Protein backbone atom coordinates (compact mmCIF):
# COMPACT_ATOMS: atom_id res chain seq x y z
CA MET A 1 53.82 8.88 -12.08
CA ILE A 2 51.97 5.99 -13.72
CA ASN A 3 55.07 3.83 -14.19
CA ARG A 4 55.98 4.46 -10.56
CA LEU A 5 52.51 3.46 -9.36
CA VAL A 6 52.56 0.22 -11.35
CA THR A 7 56.16 -0.87 -10.77
CA GLY A 8 57.03 0.94 -7.57
CA MET A 9 60.12 2.34 -9.31
CA THR A 10 61.17 5.37 -11.32
CA ALA A 11 62.20 4.88 -14.94
CA LYS A 12 65.85 5.09 -13.89
CA GLN A 13 65.34 2.47 -11.18
CA ILE A 14 63.55 0.19 -13.65
CA ARG A 15 66.49 0.48 -16.06
CA THR A 16 68.96 -0.42 -13.32
CA HIS A 17 66.86 -3.21 -11.79
CA ARG A 18 66.05 -4.87 -15.13
CA CYS A 19 69.41 -4.09 -16.83
CA ILE A 20 67.78 -2.08 -19.61
CA PRO A 21 70.15 -0.20 -21.94
CA ASP A 22 69.64 3.59 -22.01
CA LYS A 23 68.59 3.53 -25.66
CA ASP A 24 65.85 0.94 -25.13
CA ASN A 25 62.26 1.68 -24.12
CA THR A 26 61.46 0.47 -20.59
CA ARG A 27 58.02 -0.69 -21.74
CA ASP A 28 59.70 -3.32 -23.93
CA TYR A 29 60.91 -4.98 -20.71
CA MET A 30 57.65 -4.95 -18.79
CA THR A 31 55.33 -7.87 -18.22
CA PRO A 32 52.01 -8.06 -20.08
CA GLU A 33 50.24 -7.39 -16.77
CA GLU A 34 52.27 -4.23 -16.16
CA ILE A 35 51.58 -2.98 -19.68
CA THR A 36 47.84 -3.61 -19.27
CA GLN A 37 47.83 -1.74 -15.97
CA ILE A 38 49.77 1.19 -17.43
CA GLU A 39 47.47 1.46 -20.45
CA LYS A 40 44.36 1.47 -18.26
CA LEU A 41 45.84 4.08 -15.92
CA GLN A 42 46.86 6.28 -18.87
CA LYS A 43 43.29 6.26 -20.18
CA TYR A 44 41.87 7.10 -16.76
CA ASN A 45 44.52 9.78 -16.24
CA THR A 46 43.43 11.46 -19.48
CA ILE A 47 39.87 11.66 -18.14
CA LEU A 48 41.10 13.12 -14.86
CA LEU A 49 43.22 15.70 -16.70
CA GLU A 50 40.22 16.73 -18.81
CA GLN A 51 38.29 17.22 -15.58
CA GLU A 52 41.16 19.42 -14.31
CA PHE A 53 42.17 17.26 -11.34
CA ASP A 54 45.44 18.42 -9.80
CA TYR A 55 48.45 16.11 -9.49
CA ALA A 56 47.74 14.95 -5.95
CA SER A 57 44.09 14.20 -6.72
CA ARG A 58 44.98 12.32 -9.89
CA LYS A 59 47.62 10.29 -8.05
CA ALA A 60 45.13 9.35 -5.33
CA ALA A 61 42.43 8.40 -7.85
CA LEU A 62 44.89 6.41 -9.96
CA THR A 63 46.14 4.55 -6.89
CA VAL A 64 42.60 3.49 -6.00
CA TYR A 65 41.90 2.48 -9.60
CA LEU A 66 45.13 0.47 -9.78
CA GLY A 67 44.03 -1.47 -6.70
CA ARG A 68 40.79 -2.36 -8.48
CA ILE A 69 42.65 -3.37 -11.63
CA LYS A 70 45.00 -5.64 -9.67
CA ARG A 71 42.11 -7.26 -7.77
CA ASN A 72 40.23 -7.90 -10.99
CA MET A 73 43.34 -9.37 -12.65
CA ALA A 74 43.88 -11.66 -9.64
CA LEU A 75 40.28 -12.86 -9.81
CA GLU A 76 40.64 -13.66 -13.50
CA LYS A 77 43.54 -16.03 -12.86
């Protein structure tokens, strides 16, 4: 879910779009910004899981948080 939120693609779509061999890790082909976003979302997702949020609620919360992350990254540039 997190990769899809950040890139807009499934892992399979990322592999196809970026010509990533099956044996390679997709993260090795991501931009530093994408990796930062994924790491932040993973940390927040852990908190949401500990608070027993269901999938739909976590996805909604992560989507909002990703918007904040992207805005903050744009302001820093």
